[in-house]
Amino acid sequence: MSNRRGLAWWSAAGGLAIAGILAEAVRPVAPAVGEVATDLTRFSPDVLAAVGDYLAERRAAAVGALAMSVAVPAWLLLSAPGRRGMERLGAWGSPARGGGAVAGAVSAMTSLAILPFGVYAGFVHEQRWGFSTQSLLEWLRDRAIRDGLAALVAVVLAVVFVWFRRRWPDTWHLRLTLAGTALTGLLVLVYPVVIQPLLLSTQPLEAGETRTAVETVLAQAGAEDVEILVGDASRRTTKVNAFVTGIGPSRQVVLFDTLLELPPEQVAVVVAHELAHREHADVPRAVLLSATGLLAGLLLLRWWLHAERARGGRVGDAQAVVMLLLVIAAGQVVTAPAANWVSRRAEAAADHRALELTEAAGRFIATQRTFVVRDLADPTPPWWVTALWGTHPSPSDRIDAAVVFARAHELPVPDRPELVAEEPAPPEGPG
């Protein structure tokens, strides 16, 4: 009977993980681009110099933060003082309560270790370049909300992990795959309603030229019922952005209010891109794919726990929780190239669908160039930056794809001098 139950759980967890892979494998994709002869990806030396100066320190801080995210749980697991401290904390109350306390402590210590990098890159550096519109206290409040929510998720995961491991020692990893995927889906569902308002206040897009341009795109996409919201991002930054969030009844398309500073046709192209994510069900696909990564990580953790016991080591609940958090942290780094490739694939497909909806290749190209000049996005980032953080195709790749689309559909392609004349001057940065 127990073997049949084990097979059933393997079938459920393995089937969910395979479904995640299949959902990504059969998704809409953009056609291959190849080499493109165009000067629209060329930027002035002043712009490229500003991009390089701005991003150099941000990337250094990001590497430091990434290292700390792995180093802290590794130190707590491998050092004698770290193990003793976590074991004492894990002995507090019931095993599940102790596991939650350990997870909370690991999360808090990791957040504190990363905080200096965040303060410098996210506040000091952004202030010096004129992007941040917050005070330090406002920035710290936002950071505390994000870190607190991440810690809460870690605590819940640890409590469930300890309970499952004790209750079902042979199938905990399979059950936790299902529970973790369900928790991910729940978080995505409630995020727009419960969490997002803590960081971004929204209101419907007001009537005007931009609203008219957006309604045209909604009609082209057959999505007239979708409400386009505007978030008060200008209280924090001058940068432009938009995103689709939620799942099922909580789905939203949100525009930064700073995006409305762009011409209405450019805003409409951005909205078309976000509607494409909705049409392609990219958020549900991501939730499903999370099961694949979760099962792989838990199988690795299970093997590690067995290997420790085989060497005669005693693996208590506290140590197991730290091992879980270390697997998650290290796994995010190791799998970043693959995860970002999946994300870039989805973003390229959304770009292509946006071009099909609007046939505004010129406006799309102008928008990508605006991201580079106005917000100092790297038009051609180094390979290692793309591997670690490249969730979107580079602006140059997106421009190339739009040029190919325009030529294939006999749409006008703007001249580079015409676009340059419309572009703002790049931020000067610290004097």
Protein backbone atom coordinates (compact mmCIF):
# COMPACT_ATOMS: atom_id res chain seq x y z
CA MET A 1 0.00 0.00 0.00
CA SER A 2 2.81 2.37 0.91
CA ASN A 3 4.56 1.64 -2.43
CA ARG A 4 1.36 2.47 -4.31
CA ARG A 5 1.00 5.71 -2.35
CA GLY A 6 4.61 6.59 -3.07
CA LEU A 7 4.09 5.94 -6.78
CA ALA A 8 0.98 8.13 -6.71
CA TRP A 9 2.90 11.01 -5.17
CA TRP A 10 5.74 10.53 -7.67
CA SER A 11 3.20 10.62 -10.47
CA ALA A 12 1.57 13.80 -9.14
CA ALA A 13 4.78 15.73 -8.47
CA GLY A 14 6.60 14.43 -11.54
CA GLY A 15 3.58 15.06 -13.73
CA LEU A 16 3.35 18.64 -12.49
CA ALA A 17 7.06 19.19 -13.15
CA ILE A 18 6.76 17.73 -16.66
CA ALA A 19 3.68 19.89 -17.29
CA GLY A 20 5.79 22.92 -16.44
CA ILE A 21 8.36 21.95 -19.05
CA LEU A 22 5.70 21.19 -21.65
CA ALA A 23 3.91 24.49 -21.00
CA GLU A 24 7.12 26.30 -21.84
CA ALA A 25 7.96 24.04 -24.77
CA VAL A 26 4.64 24.65 -26.57
CA ARG A 27 4.39 28.36 -25.86
CA PRO A 28 4.23 30.97 -28.68
CA VAL A 29 7.70 32.04 -29.76
CA ALA A 30 9.12 34.81 -31.89
CA PRO A 31 10.72 33.95 -35.24
CA ALA A 32 14.51 33.84 -35.41
CA VAL A 33 16.10 37.17 -36.29
CA GLY A 34 19.68 36.47 -37.39
CA GLU A 35 22.04 39.18 -38.55
CA VAL A 36 20.42 42.53 -39.29
CA ALA A 37 21.92 45.39 -41.27
CA THR A 38 20.76 48.56 -39.49
CA ASP A 39 22.22 51.60 -37.79
CA LEU A 40 19.27 51.95 -35.43
CA THR A 41 21.15 50.06 -32.71
CA ARG A 42 23.98 52.60 -32.78
CA PHE A 43 24.15 55.20 -29.99
CA SER A 44 26.33 58.24 -29.53
CA PRO A 45 29.57 58.00 -27.53
CA ASP A 46 28.03 60.27 -24.87
CA VAL A 47 25.12 57.87 -24.34
CA LEU A 48 27.35 54.80 -24.24
CA ALA A 49 29.74 56.49 -21.81
CA ALA A 50 26.84 57.40 -19.50
CA VAL A 51 25.47 53.84 -19.69
CA GLY A 52 28.88 52.39 -18.83
CA ASP A 53 29.49 54.77 -15.93
CA TYR A 54 26.03 54.25 -14.49
CA LEU A 55 25.93 50.47 -14.72
CA ALA A 56 29.48 49.67 -13.60
CA GLU A 57 28.83 50.35 -9.91
CA ARG A 58 25.33 48.87 -10.01
CA ARG A 59 26.68 45.62 -11.39
CA ALA A 60 29.45 45.48 -8.81
CA ALA A 61 26.88 45.93 -6.04
CA ALA A 62 24.61 43.31 -7.61
CA VAL A 63 27.45 40.78 -7.67
CA GLY A 64 28.17 41.53 -4.00
CA ALA A 65 24.52 41.08 -3.05
CA LEU A 66 24.34 37.82 -4.99
CA ALA A 67 27.42 36.52 -3.20
CA MET A 68 25.97 37.44 0.21
CA SER A 69 22.69 35.68 -0.57
CA VAL A 70 24.61 32.40 -0.79
CA ALA A 71 27.44 33.12 1.68
CA VAL A 72 25.20 33.79 4.70
CA PRO A 73 23.26 30.48 4.70
CA ALA A 74 26.49 28.66 3.75
CA TRP A 75 28.29 30.14 6.77
CA LEU A 76 25.40 29.30 9.07
CA LEU A 77 25.45 25.73 7.82
CA LEU A 78 29.19 25.06 7.64
CA SER A 79 30.67 27.06 10.53
CA ALA A 80 30.60 25.83 14.12
CA PRO A 81 29.19 29.12 15.53
CA GLY A 82 26.54 29.21 12.82
CA ARG A 83 25.44 25.62 13.42
CA ARG A 84 25.31 26.10 17.19
CA GLY A 85 23.24 29.25 16.89
CA MET A 86 20.76 27.67 14.48
CA GLU A 87 20.46 24.52 16.63
CA ARG A 88 19.64 26.59 19.71
CA LEU A 89 17.08 28.55 17.76
CA GLY A 90 15.62 25.37 16.28
CA ALA A 91 15.08 23.94 19.75
CA TRP A 92 12.58 26.71 20.54
CA GLY A 93 9.10 25.23 20.92
CA SER A 94 7.79 22.55 18.60
CA PRO A 95 9.94 21.31 15.68
CA ALA A 96 7.86 23.23 13.14
CA ARG A 97 8.02 26.41 15.22
CA GLY A 98 11.76 26.02 15.62
CA GLY A 99 12.15 25.51 11.90
CA GLY A 100 10.21 28.70 11.24
CA ALA A 101 12.40 30.59 13.71
CA VAL A 102 15.53 29.33 11.96
CA ALA A 103 14.17 30.40 8.56
CA GLY A 104 13.28 33.83 9.93
CA ALA A 105 16.77 34.24 11.39
CA VAL A 106 18.50 33.16 8.17
CA SER A 107 16.32 35.53 6.14
CA ALA A 108 16.97 38.43 8.52
CA MET A 109 20.74 37.88 8.56
CA THR A 110 20.86 37.57 4.78
CA SER A 111 18.83 40.76 4.37
CA LEU A 112 21.17 42.63 6.71
CA ALA A 113 24.24 41.35 4.85
CA ILE A 114 22.79 42.46 1.51
CA LEU A 115 21.43 45.78 2.79
CA PRO A 116 24.63 47.86 2.32
CA PHE A 117 24.76 46.85 -1.34
CA GLY A 118 21.09 47.69 -1.71
CA VAL A 119 21.39 51.08 0.00
CA TYR A 120 24.29 52.06 -2.23
CA ALA A 121 22.96 50.75 -5.56
CA GLY A 122 19.26 51.32 -4.94
CA PHE A 123 19.38 54.64 -3.16
CA VAL A 124 22.74 56.45 -3.08
CA HIS A 125 23.72 55.65 -6.65
CA GLU A 126 20.20 56.31 -7.98
CA GLN A 127 20.13 59.66 -6.18
CA ARG A 128 23.47 60.67 -7.64
CA TRP A 129 22.22 59.94 -11.14
CA GLY A 130 18.89 61.67 -10.58
CA PHE A 131 16.70 58.57 -10.87
CA SER A 132 15.53 58.22 -7.26
CA THR A 133 12.80 60.53 -5.98
CA GLN A 134 12.62 58.99 -2.49
CA SER A 135 14.07 59.91 0.85
CA LEU A 136 16.25 57.32 2.59
CA LEU A 137 13.47 56.55 5.08
CA GLU A 138 10.99 55.95 2.26
CA TRP A 139 13.47 53.68 0.50
CA LEU A 140 14.12 51.73 3.72
CA ARG A 141 10.36 51.34 4.26
CA ASP A 142 9.94 49.79 0.81
CA ARG A 143 12.93 47.55 1.39
CA ALA A 144 11.57 46.43 4.77
CA ILE A 145 8.24 45.49 3.16
CA ARG A 146 9.93 43.43 0.45
CA ASP A 147 12.36 41.73 2.83
CA GLY A 148 9.60 41.12 5.37
CA LEU A 149 7.40 39.45 2.79
CA ALA A 150 10.32 37.30 1.58
CA ALA A 151 11.05 36.30 5.18
CA LEU A 152 7.39 35.42 5.76
CA VAL A 153 7.41 33.14 2.72
CA ALA A 154 10.64 31.51 3.97
CA VAL A 155 9.13 30.95 7.42
CA VAL A 156 5.95 29.38 6.00
CA LEU A 157 8.02 27.18 3.68
CA ALA A 158 10.26 26.07 6.57
CA VAL A 159 7.32 25.25 8.85
CA VAL A 160 5.68 23.17 6.11
CA PHE A 161 9.03 21.55 5.26
CA VAL A 162 9.70 20.41 8.83
CA TRP A 163 6.16 19.18 9.30
CA PHE A 164 6.11 17.28 5.98
CA ARG A 165 9.56 15.79 6.59
CA ARG A 166 8.52 14.43 9.99
CA ARG A 167 5.03 13.34 8.93
CA TRP A 168 5.99 11.73 5.61
CA PRO A 169 9.72 10.87 5.68
CA ASP A 170 9.61 9.04 2.32
CA THR A 171 7.48 11.41 0.25
CA TRP A 172 7.98 14.86 1.83
CA HIS A 173 9.83 16.17 -1.22
CA LEU A 174 6.98 15.18 -3.53
CA ARG A 175 4.27 16.58 -1.31
CA LEU A 176 6.25 19.77 -0.81
CA THR A 177 6.56 20.19 -4.59
CA LEU A 178 2.78 20.23 -4.84
CA ALA A 179 2.33 22.44 -1.79
CA GLY A 180 5.07 24.86 -2.90
CA THR A 181 3.57 25.22 -6.36
CA ALA A 182 0.15 25.85 -4.83
CA LEU A 183 1.70 28.48 -2.53
CA THR A 184 3.36 30.15 -5.53
CA GLY A 185 0.04 30.28 -7.35
CA LEU A 186 -1.67 31.71 -4.26
CA LEU A 187 0.96 34.42 -3.92
CA VAL A 188 0.57 35.38 -7.58
CA LEU A 189 -3.21 35.45 -7.15
CA VAL A 190 -3.26 37.70 -4.10
CA TYR A 191 -0.23 39.86 -4.96
CA PRO A 192 -2.18 42.58 -6.85
CA VAL A 193 -4.78 42.80 -4.10
CA VAL A 194 -2.77 42.35 -0.90
CA ILE A 195 0.92 43.07 -1.54
CA GLN A 196 1.14 45.42 -4.51
CA PRO A 197 -0.86 48.24 -2.82
CA LEU A 198 1.81 48.37 -0.10
CA LEU A 199 4.37 49.42 -2.72
CA LEU A 200 2.39 51.02 -5.53
CA SER A 201 -0.93 52.87 -5.48
CA THR A 202 -2.88 52.55 -8.72
CA GLN A 203 -5.80 54.19 -10.45
CA PRO A 204 -7.46 53.73 -13.87
CA LEU A 205 -5.82 55.40 -16.86
CA GLU A 206 -7.54 58.74 -17.34
CA ALA A 207 -9.21 59.93 -20.54
CA GLY A 208 -7.01 61.71 -23.07
CA GLU A 209 -4.77 61.05 -26.05
CA THR A 210 -2.92 58.23 -24.31
CA ARG A 211 -6.17 56.58 -23.24
CA THR A 212 -7.44 56.78 -26.82
CA ALA A 213 -4.25 55.18 -28.17
CA VAL A 214 -4.44 52.45 -25.54
CA GLU A 215 -8.11 51.72 -26.27
CA THR A 216 -7.20 51.19 -29.92
CA VAL A 217 -4.69 48.54 -28.88
CA LEU A 218 -7.24 46.93 -26.53
CA ALA A 219 -9.69 46.67 -29.41
CA GLN A 220 -7.02 45.19 -31.70
CA ALA A 221 -6.23 42.58 -29.04
CA GLY A 222 -9.87 41.80 -28.32
CA ALA A 223 -9.23 42.80 -24.70
CA GLU A 224 -11.63 45.70 -24.25
CA ASP A 225 -12.54 44.39 -20.78
CA VAL A 226 -8.98 44.71 -19.48
CA GLU A 227 -8.54 47.64 -17.11
CA ILE A 228 -5.30 49.54 -17.58
CA LEU A 229 -4.04 50.93 -14.27
CA VAL A 230 -1.45 53.61 -13.59
CA GLY A 231 0.87 53.28 -10.61
CA ASP A 232 2.39 56.22 -8.74
CA ALA A 233 5.96 55.10 -9.44
CA SER A 234 7.13 58.72 -9.71
CA ARG A 235 7.14 58.83 -5.90
CA ARG A 236 10.13 56.51 -6.13
CA THR A 237 11.80 56.82 -9.52
CA THR A 238 11.95 58.71 -12.79
CA LYS A 239 12.39 55.48 -14.77
CA VAL A 240 9.66 54.06 -16.98
CA ASN A 241 8.16 50.58 -16.78
CA ALA A 242 4.99 48.51 -17.09
CA PHE A 243 4.04 45.01 -16.04
CA VAL A 244 1.29 42.42 -16.03
CA THR A 245 0.52 40.90 -12.65
CA GLY A 246 -1.89 38.49 -11.03
CA ILE A 247 -3.65 35.41 -12.32
CA GLY A 248 -7.26 34.71 -13.18
CA PRO A 249 -9.57 37.29 -11.58
CA SER A 250 -6.67 39.33 -10.17
CA ARG A 251 -4.88 39.94 -13.49
CA GLN A 252 -3.87 43.55 -14.07
CA VAL A 253 -1.85 45.59 -16.54
CA VAL A 254 -0.06 48.36 -14.66
CA LEU A 255 1.81 51.31 -16.17
CA PHE A 256 4.25 53.50 -14.27
CA ASP A 257 2.96 57.06 -14.29
CA THR A 258 6.41 58.04 -15.59
CA LEU A 259 5.65 56.03 -18.74
CA LEU A 260 2.89 58.51 -19.55
CA GLU A 261 5.61 61.11 -20.20
CA LEU A 262 6.31 59.28 -23.48
CA PRO A 263 4.24 59.90 -26.64
CA PRO A 264 0.87 58.11 -26.62
CA GLU A 265 1.90 55.84 -29.52
CA GLN A 266 4.87 54.57 -27.53
CA VAL A 267 2.71 53.92 -24.47
CA ALA A 268 0.29 52.00 -26.69
CA VAL A 269 3.13 49.76 -27.94
CA VAL A 270 4.15 49.02 -24.34
CA VAL A 271 0.55 48.15 -23.48
CA ALA A 272 0.40 45.84 -26.50
CA HIS A 273 3.47 44.03 -25.16
CA GLU A 274 1.84 43.54 -21.75
CA LEU A 275 -1.40 42.37 -23.36
CA ALA A 276 0.65 39.79 -25.26
CA HIS A 277 1.90 38.40 -21.94
CA ARG A 278 -1.73 38.08 -20.89
CA GLU A 279 -2.71 36.45 -24.19
CA HIS A 280 0.19 34.00 -23.95
CA ALA A 281 -0.69 33.13 -20.31
CA ASP A 282 2.91 33.82 -19.33
CA VAL A 283 2.16 34.24 -15.61
CA PRO A 284 0.35 30.86 -15.29
CA ARG A 285 3.13 29.25 -17.34
CA ALA A 286 5.70 30.63 -14.89
CA VAL A 287 3.75 29.27 -11.92
CA LEU A 288 3.61 25.84 -13.55
CA LEU A 289 7.31 25.94 -14.43
CA SER A 290 8.12 26.73 -10.80
CA ALA A 291 7.10 23.14 -9.99
CA THR A 292 9.91 21.89 -12.21
CA GLY A 293 12.55 23.89 -10.41
CA LEU A 294 11.05 23.11 -7.01
CA LEU A 295 11.09 19.35 -7.57
CA ALA A 296 14.67 19.45 -8.86
CA GLY A 297 15.81 21.45 -5.83
CA LEU A 298 14.02 19.21 -3.36
CA LEU A 299 15.46 16.08 -4.97
CA LEU A 300 18.92 17.62 -4.59
CA LEU A 301 18.18 18.46 -0.95
CA ARG A 302 16.90 14.93 -0.30
CA TRP A 303 20.06 13.43 -1.78
CA TRP A 304 22.18 15.79 0.35
CA LEU A 305 20.31 14.80 3.53
CA HIS A 306 20.75 11.11 2.75
CA ALA A 307 24.45 11.64 2.01
CA GLU A 308 24.96 13.41 5.35
CA ARG A 309 23.26 10.57 7.21
CA ALA A 310 25.26 7.97 5.26
CA ARG A 311 28.45 9.62 6.51
CA GLY A 312 27.19 9.19 10.05
CA GLY A 313 26.16 12.81 10.52
CA ARG A 314 23.06 13.82 12.43
CA VAL A 315 20.83 16.15 10.46
CA GLY A 316 18.42 17.91 12.79
CA ASP A 317 15.51 20.07 11.75
CA ALA A 318 17.46 23.32 12.14
CA GLN A 319 20.30 22.11 9.94
CA ALA A 320 17.84 20.75 7.38
CA VAL A 321 16.07 24.13 7.18
CA VAL A 322 19.37 25.96 6.58
CA MET A 323 20.24 23.38 3.93
CA LEU A 324 16.86 24.03 2.29
CA LEU A 325 17.44 27.79 2.19
CA LEU A 326 20.99 27.31 0.90
CA VAL A 327 19.74 25.06 -1.91
CA ILE A 328 17.18 27.71 -2.84
CA ALA A 329 19.73 30.57 -2.76
CA ALA A 330 22.46 28.69 -4.62
CA GLY A 331 19.93 27.18 -7.00
CA GLN A 332 18.71 30.63 -8.03
CA VAL A 333 22.27 31.58 -8.96
CA VAL A 334 23.09 28.33 -10.75
CA THR A 335 19.84 28.21 -12.70
CA ALA A 336 19.76 31.95 -13.49
CA PRO A 337 21.10 31.48 -17.06
CA ALA A 338 18.39 28.93 -17.88
CA ALA A 339 15.62 30.86 -16.10
CA ASN A 340 16.60 34.09 -17.83
CA TRP A 341 16.71 32.35 -21.20
CA VAL A 342 13.13 31.20 -20.62
CA SER A 343 12.15 34.75 -19.65
CA ARG A 344 13.86 36.29 -22.70
CA ARG A 345 12.03 33.80 -24.91
CA ALA A 346 8.70 34.88 -23.45
CA GLU A 347 9.57 38.57 -23.76
CA ALA A 348 10.63 38.18 -27.40
CA ALA A 349 7.32 36.46 -28.15
CA ALA A 350 5.44 39.31 -26.47
CA ASP A 351 7.42 41.83 -28.54
CA HIS A 352 6.50 40.01 -31.73
CA ARG A 353 2.83 39.87 -30.81
CA ALA A 354 2.87 43.57 -29.92
CA LEU A 355 4.23 44.34 -33.38
CA GLU A 356 1.51 42.21 -34.95
CA LEU A 357 -1.18 44.03 -32.96
CA THR A 358 0.04 47.58 -33.61
CA GLU A 359 2.15 47.35 -36.79
CA ALA A 360 4.02 50.24 -35.19
CA ALA A 361 7.58 49.03 -35.66
CA GLY A 362 8.87 52.60 -35.76
CA ARG A 363 7.30 53.48 -32.43
CA PHE A 364 8.55 50.21 -30.96
CA ILE A 365 12.10 51.02 -32.05
CA ALA A 366 11.80 54.56 -30.68
CA THR A 367 10.64 53.15 -27.33
CA GLN A 368 13.59 50.79 -27.06
CA ARG A 369 16.00 53.63 -27.83
CA THR A 370 14.23 55.73 -25.18
CA PHE A 371 14.91 53.03 -22.58
CA VAL A 372 18.61 53.27 -23.42
CA VAL A 373 18.92 57.04 -23.55
CA ARG A 374 16.46 58.00 -20.79
CA ASP A 375 16.99 55.17 -18.30
CA LEU A 376 20.54 54.14 -19.31
CA ALA A 377 19.71 50.54 -20.17
CA ASP A 378 22.67 48.75 -21.75
CA PRO A 379 21.98 48.30 -25.48
CA THR A 380 24.37 45.33 -25.68
CA PRO A 381 25.15 43.96 -22.19
CA PRO A 382 28.07 41.55 -21.62
CA TRP A 383 27.29 37.83 -21.76
CA TRP A 384 27.67 37.34 -18.01
CA VAL A 385 25.22 40.15 -17.26
CA THR A 386 22.74 38.57 -19.67
CA ALA A 387 23.25 35.19 -17.99
CA LEU A 388 22.73 36.47 -14.44
CA TRP A 389 20.09 39.16 -14.90
CA GLY A 390 18.98 39.25 -18.54
CA THR A 391 15.25 38.67 -18.18
CA HIS A 392 14.57 40.62 -21.41
CA PRO A 393 16.30 40.64 -24.78
CA SER A 394 18.77 43.49 -25.02
CA PRO A 395 17.47 46.73 -26.55
CA SER A 396 19.67 46.10 -29.59
CA ASP A 397 18.17 42.63 -30.09
CA ARG A 398 14.66 44.01 -29.73
CA ILE A 399 15.37 46.75 -32.25
CA ASP A 400 16.81 44.19 -34.69
CA ALA A 401 13.67 42.06 -34.34
CA ALA A 402 11.44 45.09 -35.01
CA VAL A 403 13.47 46.01 -38.11
CA VAL A 404 13.11 42.47 -39.47
CA PHE A 405 9.37 42.53 -38.76
CA ALA A 406 8.97 45.91 -40.47
CA ARG A 407 10.83 44.82 -43.59
CA ALA A 408 8.93 41.54 -43.79
CA HIS A 409 5.58 43.36 -43.55
CA GLU A 410 6.62 46.34 -45.70
CA LEU A 411 6.23 48.78 -42.82
CA PRO A 412 8.19 52.03 -42.64
CA VAL A 413 11.46 51.98 -40.70
CA PRO A 414 12.48 55.33 -39.21
CA ASP A 415 15.80 56.98 -39.98
CA ARG A 416 18.28 57.13 -37.14
CA PRO A 417 18.72 60.96 -37.28
CA GLU A 418 14.94 61.30 -37.02
CA LEU A 419 14.86 59.21 -33.85
CA VAL A 420 17.91 60.87 -32.32
CA ALA A 421 16.29 64.27 -32.79
CA GLU A 422 13.31 63.14 -30.67
CA GLU A 423 15.38 61.59 -27.88
CA PRO A 424 16.14 63.33 -24.60
CA ALA A 425 19.68 63.98 -23.49
CA PRO A 426 21.11 61.19 -21.31
CA PRO A 427 21.43 61.87 -17.58
CA GLU A 428 24.74 63.53 -16.77
CA GLY A 429 25.27 61.68 -13.53
CA PRO A 430 27.32 62.88 -10.57
CA GLY A 431 29.44 65.91 -11.26
